[in-house]
Amino acid sequence: MEKINIFDQIEKNNRNSIILCILVFIILFSLIYFISIIFVPELTFIILIFGFIIIFFDIYFSYNYGDKVILKSVNAKPADEIKNRYLVDSVEGLAIAAGVPKPKIYVMESDEINAFVVGKNPQNSSLVVTTGALENLKRDELEGVIGHEMSHIRNYDVRFATLVAVLVGLAAIVSYMFLRTLRFGSFRSEDEKKGGAVILIMFIIAIILAIIAPIVTRLVQAAVSRRREFLADASGAELTRYPDGLANALEKIKKINEGKMNVSESISHLFIADPTKSPLDNLFATHPPLSERIKILRAM
């Protein structure tokens, strides 16, 4: 594993966050444009203005409140300061080691071993650990997992990952809504007479955009996420000074987890290990193979 330059990684994640927002904005704005041209061409300008405002505020909302939406979606509850004392102490200690503020700590109900962080920056971040992780991991293994997540916070992975989670879902929703309307809508005969060929081309382009929008955003999600996991493994091992702790935790994840967590695919990349298994994992896998990650950690 190459040596990690934290400042370069932070700069890259900030840049990727901007690129992602621009990419999703362009795709959605283009989709709205072609839909308006096809169905209500006389209102295209007005629809584009409203579309611009809605997409802008959705991205703004995603940036500022996306973490709260995600926490609610997995039914995460604040960690009990007494019952989860070791978890709280470990987070505080590793936050100091990472040089970041202590994140808010949550626990979600699941028999599987997993964890993730969300937020827009280190000052506004939250860490979630499953009950399965608390029950099955030894102290050094839990510290390895927490160290991995703290690295995501320190490297500003947390901002990019949170934006991806919300925007990937948005692209899928808009595309799905458009494709659904095709079952009930039809071209107006008036439009067909005026410019049937042009309308048909616009219609085809809109369908293509609706189909590729969620695919493109998912590919971006997968490609960036896989790289982030390797970096967080190495950076987390650096924080705990004990790579075997995380390696042992990943061994247990490989043995125990069945990939049946009840979470949306749009937030799967947030977790330390893929929470769901699907036939498309080879194409859209958001995590590198556990065996490969374990091998690298053992060699440190």
C-alpha atoms as a PDB file:
ATOM      1  CA  MET A   1       0.000   0.000   0.000  1.00  0.00           C
ATOM      2  CA  GLU A   2       1.384   3.358  -1.028  1.00  0.00           C
ATOM      3  CA  LYS A   3       2.080   5.971   1.612  1.00  0.00           C
ATOM      4  CA  ILE A   4      -0.961   8.113   2.361  1.00  0.00           C
ATOM      5  CA  ASN A   5      -0.736  11.893   2.131  1.00  0.00           C
ATOM      6  CA  ILE A   6      -3.672  13.053   4.253  1.00  0.00           C
ATOM      7  CA  PHE A   7      -3.745  16.573   2.841  1.00  0.00           C
ATOM      8  CA  ASP A   8      -3.753  15.276  -0.738  1.00  0.00           C
ATOM      9  CA  GLN A   9      -6.598  12.929   0.163  1.00  0.00           C
ATOM     10  CA  ILE A  10      -8.624  15.738   1.749  1.00  0.00           C
ATOM     11  CA  GLU A  11      -8.122  17.915  -1.341  1.00  0.00           C
ATOM     12  CA  LYS A  12      -9.125  15.027  -3.614  1.00  0.00           C
ATOM     13  CA  ASN A  13     -12.301  14.318  -1.642  1.00  0.00           C
ATOM     14  CA  ASN A  14     -13.283  17.995  -1.680  1.00  0.00           C
ATOM     15  CA  ARG A  15     -12.735  18.056  -5.450  1.00  0.00           C
ATOM     16  CA  ASN A  16     -14.670  14.821  -5.953  1.00  0.00           C
ATOM     17  CA  SER A  17     -17.582  16.218  -3.931  1.00  0.00           C
ATOM     18  CA  ILE A  18     -17.824  19.204  -6.264  1.00  0.00           C
ATOM     19  CA  ILE A  19     -17.489  17.042  -9.387  1.00  0.00           C
ATOM     20  CA  LEU A  20     -20.205  14.678  -8.156  1.00  0.00           C
ATOM     21  CA  CYS A  21     -22.627  17.529  -7.495  1.00  0.00           C
ATOM     22  CA  ILE A  22     -21.959  18.997 -10.946  1.00  0.00           C
ATOM     23  CA  LEU A  23     -22.341  15.592 -12.635  1.00  0.00           C
ATOM     24  CA  VAL A  24     -25.674  14.833 -10.975  1.00  0.00           C
ATOM     25  CA  PHE A  25     -26.872  18.394 -11.600  1.00  0.00           C
ATOM     26  CA  ILE A  26     -26.094  18.156 -15.330  1.00  0.00           C
ATOM     27  CA  ILE A  27     -27.770  14.751 -15.702  1.00  0.00           C
ATOM     28  CA  LEU A  28     -30.931  15.767 -13.851  1.00  0.00           C
ATOM     29  CA  PHE A  29     -31.134  19.198 -15.507  1.00  0.00           C
ATOM     30  CA  SER A  30     -30.752  17.589 -18.953  1.00  0.00           C
ATOM     31  CA  LEU A  31     -33.431  15.046 -18.129  1.00  0.00           C
ATOM     32  CA  ILE A  32     -35.837  17.803 -17.041  1.00  0.00           C
ATOM     33  CA  TYR A  33     -35.081  19.757 -20.227  1.00  0.00           C
ATOM     34  CA  PHE A  34     -35.862  16.877 -22.579  1.00  0.00           C
ATOM     35  CA  ILE A  35     -38.988  15.915 -20.640  1.00  0.00           C
ATOM     36  CA  SER A  36     -40.309  19.480 -20.876  1.00  0.00           C
ATOM     37  CA  ILE A  37     -39.491  19.708 -24.602  1.00  0.00           C
ATOM     38  CA  ILE A  38     -41.403  16.482 -25.232  1.00  0.00           C
ATOM     39  CA  PHE A  39     -44.536  17.042 -23.139  1.00  0.00           C
ATOM     40  CA  VAL A  40     -44.937  20.815 -22.625  1.00  0.00           C
ATOM     41  CA  PRO A  41     -42.572  22.685 -24.990  1.00  0.00           C
ATOM     42  CA  GLU A  42     -44.341  26.009 -24.474  1.00  0.00           C
ATOM     43  CA  LEU A  43     -43.466  25.884 -20.754  1.00  0.00           C
ATOM     44  CA  THR A  44     -39.877  24.682 -21.154  1.00  0.00           C
ATOM     45  CA  PHE A  45     -38.255  27.887 -19.877  1.00  0.00           C
ATOM     46  CA  ILE A  46     -40.445  28.032 -16.768  1.00  0.00           C
ATOM     47  CA  ILE A  47     -39.943  24.340 -16.035  1.00  0.00           C
ATOM     48  CA  LEU A  48     -36.161  24.715 -16.371  1.00  0.00           C
ATOM     49  CA  ILE A  49     -36.147  27.591 -13.875  1.00  0.00           C
ATOM     50  CA  PHE A  50     -38.150  25.556 -11.379  1.00  0.00           C
ATOM     51  CA  GLY A  51     -36.000  22.503 -12.099  1.00  0.00           C
ATOM     52  CA  PHE A  52     -32.825  24.496 -11.460  1.00  0.00           C
ATOM     53  CA  ILE A  53     -34.181  25.785  -8.147  1.00  0.00           C
ATOM     54  CA  ILE A  54     -35.374  22.350  -7.011  1.00  0.00           C
ATOM     55  CA  ILE A  55     -32.104  20.569  -7.899  1.00  0.00           C
ATOM     56  CA  PHE A  56     -30.010  23.336  -6.319  1.00  0.00           C
ATOM     57  CA  PHE A  57     -31.941  23.175  -3.062  1.00  0.00           C
ATOM     58  CA  ASP A  58     -31.891  19.388  -3.086  1.00  0.00           C
ATOM     59  CA  ILE A  59     -28.083  19.402  -3.338  1.00  0.00           C
ATOM     60  CA  TYR A  60     -27.957  22.071  -0.614  1.00  0.00           C
ATOM     61  CA  PHE A  61     -30.266  19.979   1.553  1.00  0.00           C
ATOM     62  CA  SER A  62     -28.192  16.857   0.866  1.00  0.00           C
ATOM     63  CA  TYR A  63     -25.020  18.638   1.936  1.00  0.00           C
ATOM     64  CA  ASN A  64     -26.465  20.049   5.149  1.00  0.00           C
ATOM     65  CA  TYR A  65     -29.035  17.477   6.235  1.00  0.00           C
ATOM     66  CA  GLY A  66     -28.240  14.288   4.322  1.00  0.00           C
ATOM     67  CA  ASP A  67     -26.668  12.709   7.414  1.00  0.00           C
ATOM     68  CA  LYS A  68     -29.890  13.071   9.403  1.00  0.00           C
ATOM     69  CA  VAL A  69     -31.894  11.450   6.608  1.00  0.00           C
ATOM     70  CA  ILE A  70     -29.480   8.506   6.502  1.00  0.00           C
ATOM     71  CA  LEU A  71     -29.442   8.045  10.282  1.00  0.00           C
ATOM     72  CA  LYS A  72     -33.229   7.977  10.318  1.00  0.00           C
ATOM     73  CA  SER A  73     -33.358   5.534   7.400  1.00  0.00           C
ATOM     74  CA  VAL A  74     -31.379   2.919   9.371  1.00  0.00           C
ATOM     75  CA  ASN A  75     -33.205   3.686  12.635  1.00  0.00           C
ATOM     76  CA  ALA A  76     -29.943   4.516  14.425  1.00  0.00           C
ATOM     77  CA  LYS A  77     -30.260   5.383  18.124  1.00  0.00           C
ATOM     78  CA  PRO A  78     -27.830   7.438  20.264  1.00  0.00           C
ATOM     79  CA  ALA A  79     -25.375   5.187  22.097  1.00  0.00           C
ATOM     80  CA  ASP A  80     -25.993   4.711  25.807  1.00  0.00           C
ATOM     81  CA  GLU A  81     -23.127   6.397  27.686  1.00  0.00           C
ATOM     82  CA  ILE A  82     -23.168   3.672  30.370  1.00  0.00           C
ATOM     83  CA  LYS A  83     -24.187   0.538  28.473  1.00  0.00           C
ATOM     84  CA  ASN A  84     -21.831   1.351  25.600  1.00  0.00           C
ATOM     85  CA  ARG A  85     -19.049   2.788  27.753  1.00  0.00           C
ATOM     86  CA  TYR A  86     -16.197   1.070  25.942  1.00  0.00           C
ATOM     87  CA  LEU A  87     -17.523   2.164  22.555  1.00  0.00           C
ATOM     88  CA  VAL A  88     -17.753   5.771  23.738  1.00  0.00           C
ATOM     89  CA  ASP A  89     -14.259   5.695  25.299  1.00  0.00           C
ATOM     90  CA  SER A  90     -12.753   4.131  22.169  1.00  0.00           C
ATOM     91  CA  VAL A  91     -14.318   6.763  19.931  1.00  0.00           C
ATOM     92  CA  GLU A  92     -13.077   9.577  22.164  1.00  0.00           C
ATOM     93  CA  GLY A  93      -9.538   8.178  22.261  1.00  0.00           C
ATOM     94  CA  LEU A  94      -9.284   7.565  18.525  1.00  0.00           C
ATOM     95  CA  ALA A  95     -10.811  10.967  17.736  1.00  0.00           C
ATOM     96  CA  ILE A  96      -7.971  12.533  19.715  1.00  0.00           C
ATOM     97  CA  ALA A  97      -5.434  10.349  17.887  1.00  0.00           C
ATOM     98  CA  ALA A  98      -6.931  11.367  14.529  1.00  0.00           C
ATOM     99  CA  GLY A  99      -7.008  15.031  15.497  1.00  0.00           C
ATOM    100  CA  VAL A 100     -10.747  15.426  14.860  1.00  0.00           C
ATOM    101  CA  PRO A 101     -13.705  16.307  17.105  1.00  0.00           C
ATOM    102  CA  LYS A 102     -15.505  13.341  18.646  1.00  0.00           C
ATOM    103  CA  PRO A 103     -18.417  12.387  16.356  1.00  0.00           C
ATOM    104  CA  LYS A 104     -21.900  11.710  17.654  1.00  0.00           C
ATOM    105  CA  ILE A 105     -22.198   7.993  18.409  1.00  0.00           C
ATOM    106  CA  TYR A 106     -25.149   5.838  17.347  1.00  0.00           C
ATOM    107  CA  VAL A 107     -26.080   2.164  17.489  1.00  0.00           C
ATOM    108  CA  MET A 108     -28.319   0.390  14.961  1.00  0.00           C
ATOM    109  CA  GLU A 109     -30.006  -2.963  15.442  1.00  0.00           C
ATOM    110  CA  SER A 110     -28.492  -5.678  13.249  1.00  0.00           C
ATOM    111  CA  ASP A 111     -27.001  -9.104  13.880  1.00  0.00           C
ATOM    112  CA  GLU A 112     -24.323  -8.398  11.274  1.00  0.00           C
ATOM    113  CA  ILE A 113     -20.982  -6.753  12.046  1.00  0.00           C
ATOM    114  CA  ASN A 114     -20.826  -3.338  10.436  1.00  0.00           C
ATOM    115  CA  ALA A 115     -20.257   0.375  10.977  1.00  0.00           C
ATOM    116  CA  PHE A 116     -20.276   3.644   9.043  1.00  0.00           C
ATOM    117  CA  VAL A 117     -19.905   7.406   9.398  1.00  0.00           C
ATOM    118  CA  VAL A 118     -21.919  10.271   7.893  1.00  0.00           C
ATOM    119  CA  GLY A 119     -21.692  14.053   7.965  1.00  0.00           C
ATOM    120  CA  LYS A 120     -20.515  17.067   5.985  1.00  0.00           C
ATOM    121  CA  ASN A 121     -17.173  17.561   7.762  1.00  0.00           C
ATOM    122  CA  PRO A 122     -15.235  16.425  10.864  1.00  0.00           C
ATOM    123  CA  GLN A 123     -17.034  19.023  12.979  1.00  0.00           C
ATOM    124  CA  ASN A 124     -20.446  17.632  11.998  1.00  0.00           C
ATOM    125  CA  SER A 125     -20.174  13.873  11.755  1.00  0.00           C
ATOM    126  CA  SER A 126     -21.807  10.801  13.256  1.00  0.00           C
ATOM    127  CA  LEU A 127     -20.557   7.253  13.731  1.00  0.00           C
ATOM    128  CA  VAL A 128     -22.913   4.270  13.671  1.00  0.00           C
ATOM    129  CA  VAL A 129     -22.045   0.785  14.926  1.00  0.00           C
ATOM    130  CA  THR A 130     -24.296  -2.271  14.690  1.00  0.00           C
ATOM    131  CA  THR A 131     -25.302  -4.297  17.731  1.00  0.00           C
ATOM    132  CA  GLY A 132     -23.715  -7.263  15.960  1.00  0.00           C
ATOM    133  CA  ALA A 133     -20.341  -5.498  16.033  1.00  0.00           C
ATOM    134  CA  LEU A 134     -20.659  -4.719  19.745  1.00  0.00           C
ATOM    135  CA  GLU A 135     -21.596  -8.321  20.542  1.00  0.00           C
ATOM    136  CA  ASN A 136     -19.091 -10.157  18.343  1.00  0.00           C
ATOM    137  CA  LEU A 137     -15.935  -8.055  18.268  1.00  0.00           C
ATOM    138  CA  LYS A 138     -13.195  -8.050  20.874  1.00  0.00           C
ATOM    139  CA  ARG A 139     -11.916  -4.701  22.115  1.00  0.00           C
ATOM    140  CA  ASP A 140      -8.941  -4.473  19.778  1.00  0.00           C
ATOM    141  CA  GLU A 141     -11.146  -5.538  16.848  1.00  0.00           C
ATOM    142  CA  LEU A 142     -13.760  -2.897  17.665  1.00  0.00           C
ATOM    143  CA  GLU A 143     -10.978  -0.314  17.920  1.00  0.00           C
ATOM    144  CA  GLY A 144      -9.756  -1.387  14.487  1.00  0.00           C
ATOM    145  CA  VAL A 145     -13.230  -0.786  13.027  1.00  0.00           C
ATOM    146  CA  ILE A 146     -13.552   2.577  14.780  1.00  0.00           C
ATOM    147  CA  GLY A 147     -10.081   3.589  13.612  1.00  0.00           C
ATOM    148  CA  HIS A 148     -11.124   2.810  10.033  1.00  0.00           C
ATOM    149  CA  GLU A 149     -14.207   5.020  10.387  1.00  0.00           C
ATOM    150  CA  MET A 150     -12.225   7.811  12.060  1.00  0.00           C
ATOM    151  CA  SER A 151      -9.973   7.828   9.007  1.00  0.00           C
ATOM    152  CA  HIS A 152     -12.995   8.478   6.808  1.00  0.00           C
ATOM    153  CA  ILE A 153     -13.797  11.490   8.982  1.00  0.00           C
ATOM    154  CA  ARG A 154     -10.224  12.798   9.035  1.00  0.00           C
ATOM    155  CA  ASN A 155      -9.816  12.390   5.265  1.00  0.00           C
ATOM    156  CA  TYR A 156     -13.160  14.113   4.517  1.00  0.00           C
ATOM    157  CA  ASP A 157     -14.390  10.872   2.958  1.00  0.00           C
ATOM    158  CA  VAL A 158     -17.432  11.414   5.154  1.00  0.00           C
ATOM    159  CA  ARG A 159     -18.618  14.453   3.163  1.00  0.00           C
ATOM    160  CA  PHE A 160     -18.274  12.818  -0.233  1.00  0.00           C
ATOM    161  CA  ALA A 161     -19.844   9.545   0.933  1.00  0.00           C
ATOM    162  CA  THR A 162     -22.855  11.340   2.429  1.00  0.00           C
ATOM    163  CA  LEU A 163     -23.415  13.355  -0.749  1.00  0.00           C
ATOM    164  CA  VAL A 164     -23.161  10.203  -2.867  1.00  0.00           C
ATOM    165  CA  ALA A 165     -25.731   8.416  -0.707  1.00  0.00           C
ATOM    166  CA  VAL A 166     -28.370  11.117  -1.173  1.00  0.00           C
ATOM    167  CA  LEU A 167     -27.634  12.131  -4.781  1.00  0.00           C
ATOM    168  CA  VAL A 168     -27.483   8.574  -6.099  1.00  0.00           C
ATOM    169  CA  GLY A 169     -30.929   8.061  -4.621  1.00  0.00           C
ATOM    170  CA  LEU A 170     -32.187  11.318  -6.156  1.00  0.00           C
ATOM    171  CA  ALA A 171     -30.972  10.380  -9.655  1.00  0.00           C
ATOM    172  CA  ALA A 172     -32.682   7.007  -9.363  1.00  0.00           C
ATOM    173  CA  ILE A 173     -35.971   8.542  -8.165  1.00  0.00           C
ATOM    174  CA  VAL A 174     -36.182  11.158 -10.947  1.00  0.00           C
ATOM    175  CA  SER A 175     -35.322   8.567 -13.607  1.00  0.00           C
ATOM    176  CA  TYR A 176     -37.851   6.105 -12.221  1.00  0.00           C
ATOM    177  CA  MET A 177     -40.614   8.744 -12.140  1.00  0.00           C
ATOM    178  CA  PHE A 178     -39.989   9.652 -15.782  1.00  0.00           C
ATOM    179  CA  LEU A 179     -39.939   6.049 -16.983  1.00  0.00           C
ATOM    180  CA  ARG A 180     -43.165   5.397 -15.075  1.00  0.00           C
ATOM    181  CA  THR A 181     -44.894   8.294 -16.853  1.00  0.00           C
ATOM    182  CA  LEU A 182     -44.177   6.609 -20.179  1.00  0.00           C
ATOM    183  CA  ARG A 183     -46.725   3.961 -19.261  1.00  0.00           C
ATOM    184  CA  PHE A 184     -49.481   6.546 -18.980  1.00  0.00           C
ATOM    185  CA  GLY A 185     -48.370   9.429 -21.208  1.00  0.00           C
ATOM    186  CA  SER A 186     -48.340   9.808 -24.944  1.00  0.00           C
ATOM    187  CA  PHE A 187     -47.289  12.382 -27.504  1.00  0.00           C
ATOM    188  CA  ARG A 188     -49.836  14.971 -28.383  1.00  0.00           C
ATOM    189  CA  SER A 189     -51.000  14.627 -31.966  1.00  0.00           C
ATOM    190  CA  GLU A 190     -50.395  18.367 -32.416  1.00  0.00           C
ATOM    191  CA  ASP A 191     -46.712  17.963 -31.576  1.00  0.00           C
ATOM    192  CA  GLU A 192     -46.394  14.919 -33.757  1.00  0.00           C
ATOM    193  CA  LYS A 193     -47.659  16.894 -36.767  1.00  0.00           C
ATOM    194  CA  LYS A 194     -45.327  19.851 -36.133  1.00  0.00           C
ATOM    195  CA  GLY A 195     -42.102  17.982 -35.702  1.00  0.00           C
ATOM    196  CA  GLY A 196     -42.504  14.285 -35.249  1.00  0.00           C
ATOM    197  CA  ALA A 197     -38.888  13.395 -36.048  1.00  0.00           C
ATOM    198  CA  VAL A 198     -37.447  16.002 -33.666  1.00  0.00           C
ATOM    199  CA  ILE A 199     -39.815  15.025 -30.879  1.00  0.00           C
ATOM    200  CA  LEU A 200     -38.978  11.372 -31.391  1.00  0.00           C
ATOM    201  CA  ILE A 201     -35.239  12.108 -31.121  1.00  0.00           C
ATOM    202  CA  MET A 202     -35.814  14.142 -27.946  1.00  0.00           C
ATOM    203  CA  PHE A 203     -37.922  11.328 -26.562  1.00  0.00           C
ATOM    204  CA  ILE A 204     -35.196   8.749 -27.224  1.00  0.00           C
ATOM    205  CA  ILE A 205     -32.538  10.969 -25.636  1.00  0.00           C
ATOM    206  CA  ALA A 206     -34.731  11.451 -22.549  1.00  0.00           C
ATOM    207  CA  ILE A 207     -35.211   7.693 -22.194  1.00  0.00           C
ATOM    208  CA  ILE A 208     -31.457   7.099 -22.540  1.00  0.00           C
ATOM    209  CA  LEU A 209     -30.726   9.745 -19.888  1.00  0.00           C
ATOM    210  CA  ALA A 210     -33.341   8.262 -17.565  1.00  0.00           C
ATOM    211  CA  ILE A 211     -31.756   4.834 -17.920  1.00  0.00           C
ATOM    212  CA  ILE A 212     -28.099   5.862 -17.603  1.00  0.00           C
ATOM    213  CA  ALA A 213     -28.532   8.473 -14.835  1.00  0.00           C
ATOM    214  CA  PRO A 214     -28.740   5.963 -11.954  1.00  0.00           C
ATOM    215  CA  ILE A 215     -26.155   3.715 -13.633  1.00  0.00           C
ATOM    216  CA  VAL A 216     -23.572   6.480 -14.014  1.00  0.00           C
ATOM    217  CA  THR A 217     -24.021   7.708 -10.451  1.00  0.00           C
ATOM    218  CA  ARG A 218     -23.781   4.147  -9.126  1.00  0.00           C
ATOM    219  CA  LEU A 219     -20.567   3.549 -11.091  1.00  0.00           C
ATOM    220  CA  VAL A 220     -19.092   6.729  -9.615  1.00  0.00           C
ATOM    221  CA  GLN A 221     -20.225   5.571  -6.193  1.00  0.00           C
ATOM    222  CA  ALA A 222     -18.596   2.157  -6.618  1.00  0.00           C
ATOM    223  CA  ALA A 223     -15.309   3.257  -8.155  1.00  0.00           C
ATOM    224  CA  VAL A 224     -14.541   5.945  -5.588  1.00  0.00           C
ATOM    225  CA  SER A 225     -15.756   3.884  -2.638  1.00  0.00           C
ATOM    226  CA  ARG A 226     -13.457   0.907  -3.352  1.00  0.00           C
ATOM    227  CA  ARG A 227     -10.402   3.157  -3.340  1.00  0.00           C
ATOM    228  CA  ARG A 228     -11.533   4.869  -0.143  1.00  0.00           C
ATOM    229  CA  GLU A 229     -11.793   1.575   1.734  1.00  0.00           C
ATOM    230  CA  PHE A 230      -8.157   0.641   1.085  1.00  0.00           C
ATOM    231  CA  LEU A 231      -6.997   4.071   2.207  1.00  0.00           C
ATOM    232  CA  ALA A 232      -9.148   3.992   5.337  1.00  0.00           C
ATOM    233  CA  ASP A 233      -7.846   0.513   6.238  1.00  0.00           C
ATOM    234  CA  ALA A 234      -4.239   1.733   6.078  1.00  0.00           C
ATOM    235  CA  SER A 235      -4.963   5.031   7.792  1.00  0.00           C
ATOM    236  CA  GLY A 236      -7.016   3.300  10.506  1.00  0.00           C
ATOM    237  CA  ALA A 237      -4.203   0.843  11.190  1.00  0.00           C
ATOM    238  CA  GLU A 238      -1.904   3.837  11.534  1.00  0.00           C
ATOM    239  CA  LEU A 239      -4.198   5.331  14.183  1.00  0.00           C
ATOM    240  CA  THR A 240      -4.530   2.167  16.305  1.00  0.00           C
ATOM    241  CA  ARG A 241      -0.929   1.007  15.728  1.00  0.00           C
ATOM    242  CA  TYR A 242      -2.360  -2.514  15.458  1.00  0.00           C
ATOM    243  CA  PRO A 243      -3.336  -3.635  11.915  1.00  0.00           C
ATOM    244  CA  ASP A 244      -4.289  -7.103  13.148  1.00  0.00           C
ATOM    245  CA  GLY A 245      -7.180  -5.637  15.126  1.00  0.00           C
ATOM    246  CA  LEU A 246      -8.957  -4.516  11.949  1.00  0.00           C
ATOM    247  CA  ALA A 247      -7.791  -7.626  10.060  1.00  0.00           C
ATOM    248  CA  ASN A 248      -9.348  -9.879  12.716  1.00  0.00           C
ATOM    249  CA  ALA A 249     -12.559  -7.840  12.600  1.00  0.00           C
ATOM    250  CA  LEU A 250     -12.736  -8.251   8.822  1.00  0.00           C
ATOM    251  CA  GLU A 251     -12.160 -12.001   9.261  1.00  0.00           C
ATOM    252  CA  LYS A 252     -15.217 -12.157  11.525  1.00  0.00           C
ATOM    253  CA  ILE A 253     -17.224 -10.038   9.077  1.00  0.00           C
ATOM    254  CA  LYS A 254     -16.309 -12.477   6.312  1.00  0.00           C
ATOM    255  CA  LYS A 255     -17.385 -15.420   8.461  1.00  0.00           C
ATOM    256  CA  ILE A 256     -20.530 -14.038  10.117  1.00  0.00           C
ATOM    257  CA  ASN A 257     -22.117 -11.516   7.748  1.00  0.00           C
ATOM    258  CA  GLU A 258     -24.672 -12.768   5.238  1.00  0.00           C
ATOM    259  CA  GLY A 259     -25.257  -9.478   3.412  1.00  0.00           C
ATOM    260  CA  LYS A 260     -28.890  -9.279   4.476  1.00  0.00           C
ATOM    261  CA  MET A 261     -29.032  -5.923   6.227  1.00  0.00           C
ATOM    262  CA  ASN A 262     -32.240  -4.014   5.598  1.00  0.00           C
ATOM    263  CA  VAL A 263     -30.674  -0.881   4.099  1.00  0.00           C
ATOM    264  CA  SER A 264     -30.934   0.924   0.773  1.00  0.00           C
ATOM    265  CA  GLU A 265     -28.373   0.200  -1.931  1.00  0.00           C
ATOM    266  CA  SER A 266     -27.804   3.957  -2.183  1.00  0.00           C
ATOM    267  CA  ILE A 267     -26.060   3.952   1.228  1.00  0.00           C
ATOM    268  CA  SER A 268     -24.249   0.606   0.927  1.00  0.00           C
ATOM    269  CA  HIS A 269     -20.931   2.322   0.199  1.00  0.00           C
ATOM    270  CA  LEU A 270     -20.983   3.988   3.629  1.00  0.00           C
ATOM    271  CA  PHE A 271     -20.458   0.752   5.548  1.00  0.00           C
ATOM    272  CA  ILE A 272     -17.102  -0.815   6.383  1.00  0.00           C
ATOM    273  CA  ALA A 273     -18.330  -3.985   4.627  1.00  0.00           C
ATOM    274  CA  ASP A 274     -21.033  -4.403   1.981  1.00  0.00           C
ATOM    275  CA  PRO A 275     -24.327  -4.700   3.932  1.00  0.00           C
ATOM    276  CA  THR A 276     -26.256  -6.290   1.068  1.00  0.00           C
ATOM    277  CA  LYS A 277     -25.511  -8.874  -1.576  1.00  0.00           C
ATOM    278  CA  SER A 278     -26.956  -8.738  -5.089  1.00  0.00           C
ATOM    279  CA  PRO A 279     -26.321 -10.284  -8.535  1.00  0.00           C
ATOM    280  CA  LEU A 280     -24.823  -6.938  -9.678  1.00  0.00           C
ATOM    281  CA  ASP A 281     -22.120  -6.849  -6.997  1.00  0.00           C
ATOM    282  CA  ASN A 282     -19.357  -7.603  -9.497  1.00  0.00           C
ATOM    283  CA  LEU A 283     -20.263  -4.491 -11.497  1.00  0.00           C
ATOM    284  CA  PHE A 284     -21.374  -2.122  -8.755  1.00  0.00           C
ATOM    285  CA  ALA A 285     -19.333  -3.458  -5.825  1.00  0.00           C
ATOM    286  CA  THR A 286     -18.657  -0.578  -3.420  1.00  0.00           C
ATOM    287  CA  HIS A 287     -16.054  -2.538  -1.442  1.00  0.00           C
ATOM    288  CA  PRO A 288     -12.898  -4.398  -2.441  1.00  0.00           C
ATOM    289  CA  PRO A 289     -12.815  -8.133  -1.555  1.00  0.00           C
ATOM    290  CA  LEU A 290     -12.437  -8.740   2.184  1.00  0.00           C
ATOM    291  CA  SER A 291      -9.700 -11.295   1.571  1.00  0.00           C
ATOM    292  CA  GLU A 292      -7.629  -8.693  -0.285  1.00  0.00           C
ATOM    293  CA  ARG A 293      -8.077  -6.121   2.474  1.00  0.00           C
ATOM    294  CA  ILE A 294      -7.123  -8.680   5.133  1.00  0.00           C
ATOM    295  CA  LYS A 295      -4.033  -9.715   3.188  1.00  0.00           C
ATOM    296  CA  ILE A 296      -2.792  -6.115   2.974  1.00  0.00           C
ATOM    297  CA  LEU A 297      -3.423  -5.487   6.666  1.00  0.00           C
ATOM    298  CA  ARG A 298      -1.577  -8.689   7.669  1.00  0.00           C
ATOM    299  CA  ALA A 299       1.436  -7.539   5.664  1.00  0.00           C
ATOM    300  CA  MET A 300       1.735  -4.221   7.497  1.00  0.00           C
END
